Amino acid sequence: MAIVIVGVALIICIFVTILVIVFKLSKEDIKLQVVASCEGKNELEQAVIKIYFTFSIGKLVSRKKEILGSIDWSEGWMPVSYNLKEQGVYQEERLLVSKDEDTYATFEFDATNAVDAQGQGEGYVVLVLENPTNVTSFRAGIVLAVTANMVTYQLSESTSWNHEFVVNH
């Protein structure tokens, strides 16, 4: 009887270990990276920052999915547009307007075109410095909500830059 109990406990331990390893390996497939790039000034002499993001949704690529993106940014900055790489190339920039919020906006993905066969995609959001402030450090964060099979995975990452980064470009 003791051999049966030990055998069952051993099988349960092996099964749990396999599940933990598979979960950790599949979690590494889902990721988001964000980088800020100073693009100089526009025709109104406003500083322009592009927030580039790349993401991977791993094995979720084979499932029916919906993706919603959002960006939040530091005070003084204003969103202008966003662009997503669809079917391997950047398409036309789309206007990005914040609604009822001064530092938050959402944007939509066409999950079919914005994610390649490996589950990867990329895009960028353009911000301009509309109201300069005395703040010396700025930040922007991207959040992607990927819904597949009625489960939502949230990816978030942020980047920051200082005032000198903007002034020197």
Protein backbone atom coordinates (compact mmCIF):
# COMPACT_ATOMS: atom_id res chain seq x y z
CA MET A 1 0.00 0.00 0.00
CA ALA A 2 2.85 2.39 0.82
CA ILE A 3 4.39 1.74 -2.61
CA VAL A 4 1.13 2.77 -4.31
CA ILE A 5 0.94 6.01 -2.30
CA VAL A 6 4.59 6.85 -3.03
CA GLY A 7 4.03 6.04 -6.73
CA VAL A 8 0.97 8.31 -6.95
CA ALA A 9 2.79 11.12 -5.11
CA LEU A 10 5.76 10.74 -7.47
CA ILE A 11 3.52 10.91 -10.55
CA ILE A 12 1.79 14.04 -9.20
CA CYS A 13 5.17 15.69 -8.50
CA ILE A 14 6.41 14.91 -12.02
CA PHE A 15 3.16 16.23 -13.56
CA VAL A 16 3.31 19.48 -11.56
CA THR A 17 6.99 19.97 -12.47
CA ILE A 18 6.22 19.54 -16.17
CA LEU A 19 3.34 22.03 -15.95
CA VAL A 20 5.54 24.62 -14.21
CA ILE A 21 8.30 24.26 -16.80
CA VAL A 22 5.86 24.52 -19.73
CA PHE A 23 4.18 27.57 -18.17
CA LYS A 24 7.50 29.36 -17.61
CA LEU A 25 8.75 28.59 -21.13
CA SER A 26 5.52 29.73 -22.78
CA LYS A 27 5.46 32.92 -20.68
CA GLU A 28 8.82 33.96 -22.15
CA ASP A 29 7.23 33.96 -25.63
CA ILE A 30 4.96 36.85 -24.64
CA LYS A 31 6.87 40.12 -24.30
CA LEU A 32 6.87 43.85 -25.05
CA GLN A 33 9.80 46.24 -25.50
CA VAL A 34 9.55 50.05 -25.65
CA VAL A 35 12.17 52.64 -26.70
CA ALA A 36 11.98 56.45 -27.03
CA SER A 37 13.64 58.18 -29.98
CA CYS A 38 13.97 61.94 -30.32
CA GLU A 39 13.02 62.98 -33.86
CA GLY A 40 13.98 66.68 -33.60
CA LYS A 41 11.41 69.44 -33.95
CA ASN A 42 8.34 69.89 -36.11
CA GLU A 43 7.34 72.97 -38.11
CA LEU A 44 5.93 74.57 -34.95
CA GLU A 45 9.32 74.15 -33.20
CA GLN A 46 7.86 71.53 -30.85
CA ALA A 47 10.08 68.63 -29.80
CA VAL A 48 8.99 65.32 -31.34
CA ILE A 49 9.46 61.93 -29.66
CA LYS A 50 8.61 58.58 -31.22
CA ILE A 51 7.85 55.77 -28.81
CA TYR A 52 8.76 52.57 -30.68
CA PHE A 53 7.40 49.27 -29.43
CA THR A 54 7.94 45.66 -30.46
CA PHE A 55 5.94 42.77 -29.11
CA SER A 56 5.59 39.04 -29.31
CA ILE A 57 2.48 37.08 -28.42
CA GLY A 58 4.09 33.67 -28.84
CA LYS A 59 1.75 30.73 -29.20
CA LEU A 60 -1.32 32.98 -29.05
CA VAL A 61 -0.68 33.72 -32.74
CA SER A 62 -2.56 30.57 -33.74
CA ARG A 63 -5.66 31.51 -31.73
CA LYS A 64 -8.42 33.94 -32.56
CA LYS A 65 -7.29 37.16 -30.90
CA GLU A 66 -8.04 40.82 -30.37
CA ILE A 67 -5.41 43.41 -29.45
CA LEU A 68 -6.00 46.82 -27.92
CA GLY A 69 -3.12 49.18 -27.24
CA SER A 70 -2.84 52.21 -25.00
CA ILE A 71 -0.21 54.78 -24.18
CA ASP A 72 0.25 57.06 -21.22
CA TRP A 73 2.75 59.91 -21.15
CA SER A 74 4.18 62.69 -19.00
CA GLU A 75 2.47 66.01 -18.57
CA GLY A 76 3.25 68.61 -21.25
CA TRP A 77 3.33 66.09 -24.08
CA MET A 78 0.51 65.53 -26.57
CA PRO A 79 -0.14 62.49 -28.77
CA VAL A 80 -0.20 63.14 -32.49
CA SER A 81 -0.35 59.82 -34.30
CA TYR A 82 0.47 56.14 -34.25
CA ASN A 83 1.53 53.62 -36.84
CA LEU A 84 1.62 49.83 -36.91
CA LYS A 85 3.63 47.56 -39.13
CA GLU A 86 1.03 45.56 -41.02
CA GLN A 87 1.98 42.67 -43.26
CA GLY A 88 5.64 43.61 -42.86
CA VAL A 89 5.49 47.34 -43.71
CA TYR A 90 4.42 50.51 -41.94
CA GLN A 91 1.09 51.78 -43.19
CA GLU A 92 -0.27 55.31 -43.09
CA GLU A 93 -0.03 57.09 -39.73
CA ARG A 94 -3.33 57.37 -37.91
CA LEU A 95 -4.35 60.25 -35.68
CA LEU A 96 -4.25 59.54 -31.96
CA VAL A 97 -6.60 61.60 -29.85
CA SER A 98 -6.91 61.39 -26.08
CA LYS A 99 -10.51 61.45 -24.90
CA ASP A 100 -11.36 63.07 -21.58
CA GLU A 101 -7.85 62.33 -20.37
CA ASP A 102 -4.72 64.43 -20.63
CA THR A 103 -2.17 61.66 -20.35
CA TYR A 104 -3.80 58.49 -21.71
CA ALA A 105 -5.07 57.29 -25.11
CA THR A 106 -5.99 53.98 -26.73
CA PHE A 107 -5.39 52.71 -30.23
CA GLU A 108 -6.67 49.70 -32.13
CA PHE A 109 -4.89 46.86 -33.89
CA ASP A 110 -6.00 44.74 -36.78
CA ALA A 111 -4.64 41.59 -35.14
CA THR A 112 -4.74 39.70 -38.43
CA ASN A 113 -2.41 42.13 -40.22
CA ALA A 114 -0.33 43.56 -37.34
CA VAL A 115 1.03 40.22 -36.10
CA ASP A 116 3.26 38.06 -38.31
CA ALA A 117 3.30 34.26 -38.45
CA GLN A 118 5.78 34.09 -35.54
CA GLY A 119 3.49 36.20 -33.34
CA GLN A 120 5.60 39.35 -33.55
CA GLY A 121 4.65 42.93 -34.37
CA GLU A 122 5.82 46.49 -34.02
CA GLY A 123 4.70 50.08 -34.17
CA TYR A 124 5.28 53.55 -32.81
CA VAL A 125 3.43 56.47 -31.26
CA VAL A 126 4.39 60.09 -31.97
CA LEU A 127 4.31 62.64 -29.12
CA VAL A 128 5.07 66.37 -29.31
CA LEU A 129 6.04 68.67 -26.46
CA GLU A 130 3.03 70.98 -26.45
CA ASN A 131 3.46 72.66 -23.05
CA PRO A 132 7.06 72.71 -21.84
CA THR A 133 7.34 72.20 -18.10
CA ASN A 134 10.11 72.51 -15.52
CA VAL A 135 10.27 68.73 -15.22
CA THR A 136 13.68 67.27 -16.05
CA SER A 137 12.55 63.69 -16.74
CA PHE A 138 9.71 62.39 -18.90
CA ARG A 139 8.20 58.95 -19.45
CA ALA A 140 5.79 57.09 -21.67
CA GLY A 141 4.32 53.65 -21.22
CA ILE A 142 2.69 51.24 -23.63
CA VAL A 143 0.12 48.65 -22.57
CA LEU A 144 -1.14 45.94 -24.92
CA ALA A 145 -4.18 43.88 -23.99
CA VAL A 146 -4.23 40.64 -25.99
CA THR A 147 -7.45 38.65 -25.70
CA ALA A 148 -7.36 35.07 -26.95
CA ASN A 149 -9.96 32.40 -26.16
CA MET A 150 -11.67 34.76 -23.69
CA VAL A 151 -8.47 35.20 -21.63
CA THR A 152 -6.79 38.62 -21.61
CA TYR A 153 -3.02 38.92 -21.31
CA GLN A 154 -1.72 42.36 -20.45
CA LEU A 155 1.75 43.42 -21.56
CA SER A 156 3.19 46.69 -20.29
CA GLU A 157 6.52 48.43 -20.57
CA SER A 158 7.68 52.00 -20.26
CA THR A 159 10.59 54.17 -21.27
CA SER A 160 11.92 57.48 -20.02
CA TRP A 161 14.10 60.30 -21.25
CA ASN A 162 15.47 63.48 -19.75
CA HIS A 163 15.11 67.12 -20.81
CA GLU A 164 18.67 67.19 -22.20
CA PHE A 165 17.81 64.36 -24.59
CA VAL A 166 15.08 66.54 -26.12
CA VAL A 167 17.07 69.80 -26.13
CA ASN A 168 20.17 68.32 -27.76
CA HIS A 169 18.29 66.94 -30.79
